[in-house]
Amino acid sequence: MRAALLLILCACGSPAASVKLGTAWPEKPAGYADAYERWTRRAAHSVDLVQVIDASATLAAPEWRAAYAAERARRTDLPPGEADALAATQRADGEATWEVELIVATAKPAWNDFHKPQRTMWRVALAGDDGREVGPEWVHEDKRPRAVLEQYFPDMGPFHRAYVLRFPRIAPDGRPLVGGDASRLSLKIGSALAKIEMSWGP
């Protein structure tokens, strides 16, 4: 009974919306709040009632990128030419790489070191549904003002840090990591202390 009441080990994620991982750019941007929820996954891992890691990951798929560009243009009152240029940049970036905005908090601030790829305690990988994986090409801390990040990534809490992770679309074997709309993609994060996974797909 005591074992049933004591949370020894927990790794959990949010219910996943069904999404397609194709590269088609939408004819009309979705509302940003809807796109954010469709492309954001959440997971946490606790040990002995202590939350080791709490994370949300937003996959910058075409639907999200189009909605983000439109929302950013609206919020900053961009003139039409600059708004079109922003959308074009987002579209080109999405075709070149897989990008994830990772919002993460850890039990100890020193553990939140994803921006130190050579020294971080965490292993991060993006995996296709056939098990093939790629590591990040780079991980940068998102140093935009916290107030700005909270507008676009409302999972950002007072103890969270934001990172931008970019992964190659082509795996080491020379094949695309994702085969088409029916494929799945998973972000795997693990260390000696915790392991979480967040997935996108149908």
C-alpha atoms as a PDB file:
ATOM      1  CA  MET A   1       0.000   0.000   0.000  1.00  0.00           C
ATOM      2  CA  ARG A   2       2.763   2.421   0.916  1.00  0.00           C
ATOM      3  CA  ALA A   3       4.450   1.742  -2.409  1.00  0.00           C
ATOM      4  CA  ALA A   4       1.208   2.543  -4.183  1.00  0.00           C
ATOM      5  CA  LEU A   5       1.015   5.890  -2.444  1.00  0.00           C
ATOM      6  CA  LEU A   6       4.638   6.877  -2.920  1.00  0.00           C
ATOM      7  CA  LEU A   7       5.538   8.192  -6.319  1.00  0.00           C
ATOM      8  CA  ILE A   8       8.913   6.652  -6.995  1.00  0.00           C
ATOM      9  CA  LEU A   9       9.372   7.299 -10.659  1.00  0.00           C
ATOM     10  CA  CYS A  10       7.193   9.164 -13.129  1.00  0.00           C
ATOM     11  CA  ALA A  11       7.672  10.226 -16.734  1.00  0.00           C
ATOM     12  CA  CYS A  12       4.607  11.604 -18.433  1.00  0.00           C
ATOM     13  CA  GLY A  13       3.579  13.614 -21.475  1.00  0.00           C
ATOM     14  CA  SER A  14       0.551  15.534 -22.649  1.00  0.00           C
ATOM     15  CA  PRO A  15      -2.136  13.976 -24.871  1.00  0.00           C
ATOM     16  CA  ALA A  16      -0.921  14.468 -28.420  1.00  0.00           C
ATOM     17  CA  ALA A  17      -2.944  16.175 -31.131  1.00  0.00           C
ATOM     18  CA  SER A  18      -2.946  14.377 -34.457  1.00  0.00           C
ATOM     19  CA  VAL A  19      -0.740  16.311 -36.898  1.00  0.00           C
ATOM     20  CA  LYS A  20       0.873  15.707 -40.284  1.00  0.00           C
ATOM     21  CA  LEU A  21       4.587  16.219 -40.710  1.00  0.00           C
ATOM     22  CA  GLY A  22       4.597  17.169 -44.382  1.00  0.00           C
ATOM     23  CA  THR A  23       6.334  20.311 -45.644  1.00  0.00           C
ATOM     24  CA  ALA A  24       3.332  21.932 -47.376  1.00  0.00           C
ATOM     25  CA  TRP A  25       2.958  25.607 -46.493  1.00  0.00           C
ATOM     26  CA  PRO A  26      -0.668  26.430 -45.548  1.00  0.00           C
ATOM     27  CA  GLU A  27      -2.630  28.666 -47.889  1.00  0.00           C
ATOM     28  CA  LYS A  28      -3.934  30.616 -44.893  1.00  0.00           C
ATOM     29  CA  PRO A  29      -2.274  30.831 -41.452  1.00  0.00           C
ATOM     30  CA  ALA A  30      -4.120  29.251 -38.561  1.00  0.00           C
ATOM     31  CA  GLY A  31      -4.797  31.232 -35.417  1.00  0.00           C
ATOM     32  CA  TYR A  32      -1.646  31.287 -33.342  1.00  0.00           C
ATOM     33  CA  ALA A  33      -3.178  29.893 -30.152  1.00  0.00           C
ATOM     34  CA  ASP A  34      -4.562  26.908 -32.058  1.00  0.00           C
ATOM     35  CA  ALA A  35      -1.297  26.289 -33.925  1.00  0.00           C
ATOM     36  CA  TYR A  36       0.685  26.529 -30.704  1.00  0.00           C
ATOM     37  CA  GLU A  37      -1.453  23.897 -28.991  1.00  0.00           C
ATOM     38  CA  ARG A  38      -1.405  21.571 -32.000  1.00  0.00           C
ATOM     39  CA  TRP A  39       2.379  21.634 -32.265  1.00  0.00           C
ATOM     40  CA  THR A  40       3.374  21.804 -28.591  1.00  0.00           C
ATOM     41  CA  ARG A  41       4.021  18.731 -26.490  1.00  0.00           C
ATOM     42  CA  ARG A  42       4.589  18.602 -22.726  1.00  0.00           C
ATOM     43  CA  ALA A  43       6.342  16.118 -20.478  1.00  0.00           C
ATOM     44  CA  ALA A  44       7.730  15.906 -16.958  1.00  0.00           C
ATOM     45  CA  HIS A  45       9.693  13.431 -14.854  1.00  0.00           C
ATOM     46  CA  SER A  46       9.565  13.179 -11.063  1.00  0.00           C
ATOM     47  CA  VAL A  47      11.459  11.075  -8.553  1.00  0.00           C
ATOM     48  CA  ASP A  48      10.255  10.721  -4.947  1.00  0.00           C
ATOM     49  CA  LEU A  49       7.772  13.564  -5.483  1.00  0.00           C
ATOM     50  CA  VAL A  50      10.515  15.899  -6.721  1.00  0.00           C
ATOM     51  CA  GLN A  51      10.062  17.123 -10.276  1.00  0.00           C
ATOM     52  CA  VAL A  52      13.436  16.663 -11.947  1.00  0.00           C
ATOM     53  CA  ILE A  53      12.429  18.183 -15.281  1.00  0.00           C
ATOM     54  CA  ASP A  54       9.367  19.917 -16.702  1.00  0.00           C
ATOM     55  CA  ALA A  55       9.389  20.663 -20.417  1.00  0.00           C
ATOM     56  CA  SER A  56       7.328  21.770 -23.353  1.00  0.00           C
ATOM     57  CA  ALA A  57       8.504  21.475 -26.938  1.00  0.00           C
ATOM     58  CA  THR A  58       7.029  23.293 -29.927  1.00  0.00           C
ATOM     59  CA  LEU A  59       7.883  21.788 -33.302  1.00  0.00           C
ATOM     60  CA  ALA A  60       8.311  24.540 -35.888  1.00  0.00           C
ATOM     61  CA  ALA A  61       6.298  22.790 -38.591  1.00  0.00           C
ATOM     62  CA  PRO A  62       4.922  24.799 -41.548  1.00  0.00           C
ATOM     63  CA  GLU A  63       1.523  25.290 -39.883  1.00  0.00           C
ATOM     64  CA  TRP A  64       3.163  26.700 -36.749  1.00  0.00           C
ATOM     65  CA  ARG A  65       5.674  28.819 -38.684  1.00  0.00           C
ATOM     66  CA  ALA A  66       2.941  30.401 -40.819  1.00  0.00           C
ATOM     67  CA  ALA A  67       0.840  31.162 -37.746  1.00  0.00           C
ATOM     68  CA  TYR A  68       3.871  32.535 -35.873  1.00  0.00           C
ATOM     69  CA  ALA A  69       4.867  34.811 -38.760  1.00  0.00           C
ATOM     70  CA  ALA A  70       1.312  36.166 -39.019  1.00  0.00           C
ATOM     71  CA  GLU A  71       1.035  36.659 -35.249  1.00  0.00           C
ATOM     72  CA  ARG A  72       4.410  38.362 -34.997  1.00  0.00           C
ATOM     73  CA  ALA A  73       3.538  40.640 -37.914  1.00  0.00           C
ATOM     74  CA  ARG A  74       0.249  41.531 -36.221  1.00  0.00           C
ATOM     75  CA  ARG A  75       1.777  42.173 -32.803  1.00  0.00           C
ATOM     76  CA  THR A  76       4.612  44.317 -34.145  1.00  0.00           C
ATOM     77  CA  ASP A  77       2.479  46.016 -36.815  1.00  0.00           C
ATOM     78  CA  LEU A  78       4.804  45.065 -39.661  1.00  0.00           C
ATOM     79  CA  PRO A  79       4.101  46.652 -43.062  1.00  0.00           C
ATOM     80  CA  PRO A  80       2.997  44.154 -45.748  1.00  0.00           C
ATOM     81  CA  GLY A  81       6.410  43.882 -47.389  1.00  0.00           C
ATOM     82  CA  GLU A  82       8.188  43.064 -44.136  1.00  0.00           C
ATOM     83  CA  ALA A  83       5.451  40.637 -43.111  1.00  0.00           C
ATOM     84  CA  ASP A  84       5.864  38.792 -46.418  1.00  0.00           C
ATOM     85  CA  ALA A  85       9.638  38.695 -45.945  1.00  0.00           C
ATOM     86  CA  LEU A  86       9.231  37.273 -42.433  1.00  0.00           C
ATOM     87  CA  ALA A  87       6.909  34.552 -43.723  1.00  0.00           C
ATOM     88  CA  ALA A  88       9.340  33.741 -46.552  1.00  0.00           C
ATOM     89  CA  THR A  89      12.221  33.419 -44.076  1.00  0.00           C
ATOM     90  CA  GLN A  90      10.179  31.141 -41.843  1.00  0.00           C
ATOM     91  CA  ARG A  91       9.242  28.979 -44.819  1.00  0.00           C
ATOM     92  CA  ALA A  92      12.854  28.658 -46.002  1.00  0.00           C
ATOM     93  CA  ASP A  93      14.126  27.838 -42.504  1.00  0.00           C
ATOM     94  CA  GLY A  94      11.493  25.130 -42.125  1.00  0.00           C
ATOM     95  CA  GLU A  95      12.502  23.462 -45.363  1.00  0.00           C
ATOM     96  CA  ALA A  96      16.152  23.350 -44.322  1.00  0.00           C
ATOM     97  CA  THR A  97      15.952  21.915 -40.792  1.00  0.00           C
ATOM     98  CA  TRP A  98      13.735  20.567 -38.054  1.00  0.00           C
ATOM     99  CA  GLU A  99      13.522  23.205 -35.343  1.00  0.00           C
ATOM    100  CA  VAL A 100      12.154  22.892 -31.812  1.00  0.00           C
ATOM    101  CA  GLU A 101      11.566  25.598 -29.218  1.00  0.00           C
ATOM    102  CA  LEU A 102      12.240  23.884 -25.899  1.00  0.00           C
ATOM    103  CA  ILE A 103      10.908  25.470 -22.713  1.00  0.00           C
ATOM    104  CA  VAL A 104      12.355  23.675 -19.703  1.00  0.00           C
ATOM    105  CA  ALA A 105      12.710  23.908 -15.932  1.00  0.00           C
ATOM    106  CA  THR A 106      14.829  21.600 -13.753  1.00  0.00           C
ATOM    107  CA  ALA A 107      14.903  20.904 -10.032  1.00  0.00           C
ATOM    108  CA  LYS A 108      18.289  22.610  -9.758  1.00  0.00           C
ATOM    109  CA  PRO A 109      19.230  25.583 -11.979  1.00  0.00           C
ATOM    110  CA  ALA A 110      22.647  24.054 -12.668  1.00  0.00           C
ATOM    111  CA  TRP A 111      20.949  21.111 -14.388  1.00  0.00           C
ATOM    112  CA  ASN A 112      19.315  23.419 -16.922  1.00  0.00           C
ATOM    113  CA  ASP A 113      22.371  23.472 -19.170  1.00  0.00           C
ATOM    114  CA  PHE A 114      21.087  22.532 -22.622  1.00  0.00           C
ATOM    115  CA  HIS A 115      22.984  25.501 -24.121  1.00  0.00           C
ATOM    116  CA  LYS A 116      26.301  23.805 -23.261  1.00  0.00           C
ATOM    117  CA  PRO A 117      26.289  20.927 -25.786  1.00  0.00           C
ATOM    118  CA  GLN A 118      29.789  19.736 -24.933  1.00  0.00           C
ATOM    119  CA  ARG A 119      29.156  19.691 -21.173  1.00  0.00           C
ATOM    120  CA  THR A 120      25.411  19.272 -20.703  1.00  0.00           C
ATOM    121  CA  MET A 121      24.156  16.392 -18.565  1.00  0.00           C
ATOM    122  CA  TRP A 122      21.346  15.778 -21.084  1.00  0.00           C
ATOM    123  CA  ARG A 123      21.326  13.689 -24.230  1.00  0.00           C
ATOM    124  CA  VAL A 124      18.949  15.115 -26.815  1.00  0.00           C
ATOM    125  CA  ALA A 125      17.878  13.399 -30.038  1.00  0.00           C
ATOM    126  CA  LEU A 126      15.147  13.620 -32.649  1.00  0.00           C
ATOM    127  CA  ALA A 127      13.912  10.194 -33.734  1.00  0.00           C
ATOM    128  CA  GLY A 128      11.829   8.987 -36.660  1.00  0.00           C
ATOM    129  CA  ASP A 129       9.182   6.302 -36.271  1.00  0.00           C
ATOM    130  CA  ASP A 130      11.648   3.674 -37.538  1.00  0.00           C
ATOM    131  CA  GLY A 131      14.049   4.373 -34.674  1.00  0.00           C
ATOM    132  CA  ARG A 132      16.648   6.332 -36.614  1.00  0.00           C
ATOM    133  CA  GLU A 133      17.933   9.368 -34.706  1.00  0.00           C
ATOM    134  CA  VAL A 134      19.746  12.647 -35.307  1.00  0.00           C
ATOM    135  CA  GLY A 135      21.401  14.858 -32.728  1.00  0.00           C
ATOM    136  CA  PRO A 136      21.017  18.640 -32.755  1.00  0.00           C
ATOM    137  CA  GLU A 137      23.168  20.618 -35.167  1.00  0.00           C
ATOM    138  CA  TRP A 138      23.150  23.328 -32.536  1.00  0.00           C
ATOM    139  CA  VAL A 139      21.369  24.414 -29.371  1.00  0.00           C
ATOM    140  CA  HIS A 140      21.065  28.108 -28.584  1.00  0.00           C
ATOM    141  CA  GLU A 141      19.516  29.712 -25.568  1.00  0.00           C
ATOM    142  CA  ASP A 142      16.633  31.931 -26.717  1.00  0.00           C
ATOM    143  CA  LYS A 143      17.649  35.265 -25.241  1.00  0.00           C
ATOM    144  CA  ARG A 144      14.651  37.281 -26.320  1.00  0.00           C
ATOM    145  CA  PRO A 145      13.125  39.194 -23.401  1.00  0.00           C
ATOM    146  CA  ARG A 146      11.125  36.899 -21.133  1.00  0.00           C
ATOM    147  CA  ALA A 147       8.029  39.057 -21.606  1.00  0.00           C
ATOM    148  CA  VAL A 148       8.249  38.478 -25.365  1.00  0.00           C
ATOM    149  CA  LEU A 149       8.805  34.731 -25.026  1.00  0.00           C
ATOM    150  CA  GLU A 150       5.762  34.442 -22.751  1.00  0.00           C
ATOM    151  CA  GLN A 151       3.567  35.884 -25.513  1.00  0.00           C
ATOM    152  CA  TYR A 152       4.583  33.266 -28.084  1.00  0.00           C
ATOM    153  CA  PHE A 153       5.307  30.373 -25.708  1.00  0.00           C
ATOM    154  CA  PRO A 154       2.847  30.617 -22.801  1.00  0.00           C
ATOM    155  CA  ASP A 155       4.345  27.520 -21.152  1.00  0.00           C
ATOM    156  CA  MET A 156       7.245  29.785 -20.183  1.00  0.00           C
ATOM    157  CA  GLY A 157       7.161  30.018 -16.383  1.00  0.00           C
ATOM    158  CA  PRO A 158       9.315  31.981 -13.928  1.00  0.00           C
ATOM    159  CA  PHE A 159      11.772  29.090 -13.519  1.00  0.00           C
ATOM    160  CA  HIS A 160      11.913  27.993 -17.163  1.00  0.00           C
ATOM    161  CA  ARG A 161      14.587  28.683 -19.740  1.00  0.00           C
ATOM    162  CA  ALA A 162      14.019  28.717 -23.488  1.00  0.00           C
ATOM    163  CA  TYR A 163      16.208  27.076 -26.107  1.00  0.00           C
ATOM    164  CA  VAL A 164      16.134  26.760 -29.881  1.00  0.00           C
ATOM    165  CA  LEU A 165      17.233  23.331 -31.135  1.00  0.00           C
ATOM    166  CA  ARG A 166      17.941  22.655 -34.797  1.00  0.00           C
ATOM    167  CA  PHE A 167      18.212  19.155 -36.217  1.00  0.00           C
ATOM    168  CA  PRO A 168      19.128  17.989 -39.737  1.00  0.00           C
ATOM    169  CA  ARG A 169      16.324  16.622 -41.854  1.00  0.00           C
ATOM    170  CA  ILE A 170      18.656  13.996 -43.304  1.00  0.00           C
ATOM    171  CA  ALA A 171      19.825  11.159 -41.031  1.00  0.00           C
ATOM    172  CA  PRO A 172      23.422   9.857 -41.074  1.00  0.00           C
ATOM    173  CA  ASP A 173      22.371   7.065 -43.460  1.00  0.00           C
ATOM    174  CA  GLY A 174      21.535   9.667 -46.117  1.00  0.00           C
ATOM    175  CA  ARG A 175      17.763   9.218 -45.891  1.00  0.00           C
ATOM    176  CA  PRO A 176      15.224  11.798 -44.649  1.00  0.00           C
ATOM    177  CA  LEU A 177      14.334  11.298 -41.007  1.00  0.00           C
ATOM    178  CA  VAL A 178      10.639  11.660 -41.856  1.00  0.00           C
ATOM    179  CA  GLY A 179       9.089   9.933 -44.842  1.00  0.00           C
ATOM    180  CA  GLY A 180       5.870  11.917 -45.207  1.00  0.00           C
ATOM    181  CA  ASP A 181       2.579  12.967 -43.638  1.00  0.00           C
ATOM    182  CA  ALA A 182       2.032   9.581 -41.986  1.00  0.00           C
ATOM    183  CA  SER A 183       5.382   9.574 -40.181  1.00  0.00           C
ATOM    184  CA  ARG A 184       5.998  10.301 -36.522  1.00  0.00           C
ATOM    185  CA  LEU A 185       8.760  12.338 -34.925  1.00  0.00           C
ATOM    186  CA  SER A 186       9.901  12.149 -31.298  1.00  0.00           C
ATOM    187  CA  LEU A 187      12.079  14.429 -29.213  1.00  0.00           C
ATOM    188  CA  LYS A 188      14.001  12.348 -26.685  1.00  0.00           C
ATOM    189  CA  ILE A 189      15.676  13.917 -23.665  1.00  0.00           C
ATOM    190  CA  GLY A 190      17.524  11.841 -21.104  1.00  0.00           C
ATOM    191  CA  SER A 191      20.188  11.843 -18.411  1.00  0.00           C
ATOM    192  CA  ALA A 192      21.181   9.771 -15.401  1.00  0.00           C
ATOM    193  CA  LEU A 193      18.405  11.552 -13.487  1.00  0.00           C
ATOM    194  CA  ALA A 194      15.428  11.583 -15.828  1.00  0.00           C
ATOM    195  CA  LYS A 195      14.043  10.633 -19.220  1.00  0.00           C
ATOM    196  CA  ILE A 196      11.175  12.189 -21.205  1.00  0.00           C
ATOM    197  CA  GLU A 197       9.872  11.887 -24.752  1.00  0.00           C
ATOM    198  CA  MET A 198       7.501  14.068 -26.772  1.00  0.00           C
ATOM    199  CA  SER A 199       6.069  13.004 -30.134  1.00  0.00           C
ATOM    200  CA  TRP A 200       4.266  14.459 -33.157  1.00  0.00           C
ATOM    201  CA  GLY A 201       2.364  12.606 -35.858  1.00  0.00           C
ATOM    202  CA  PRO A 202      -0.991  11.121 -36.839  1.00  0.00           C
END
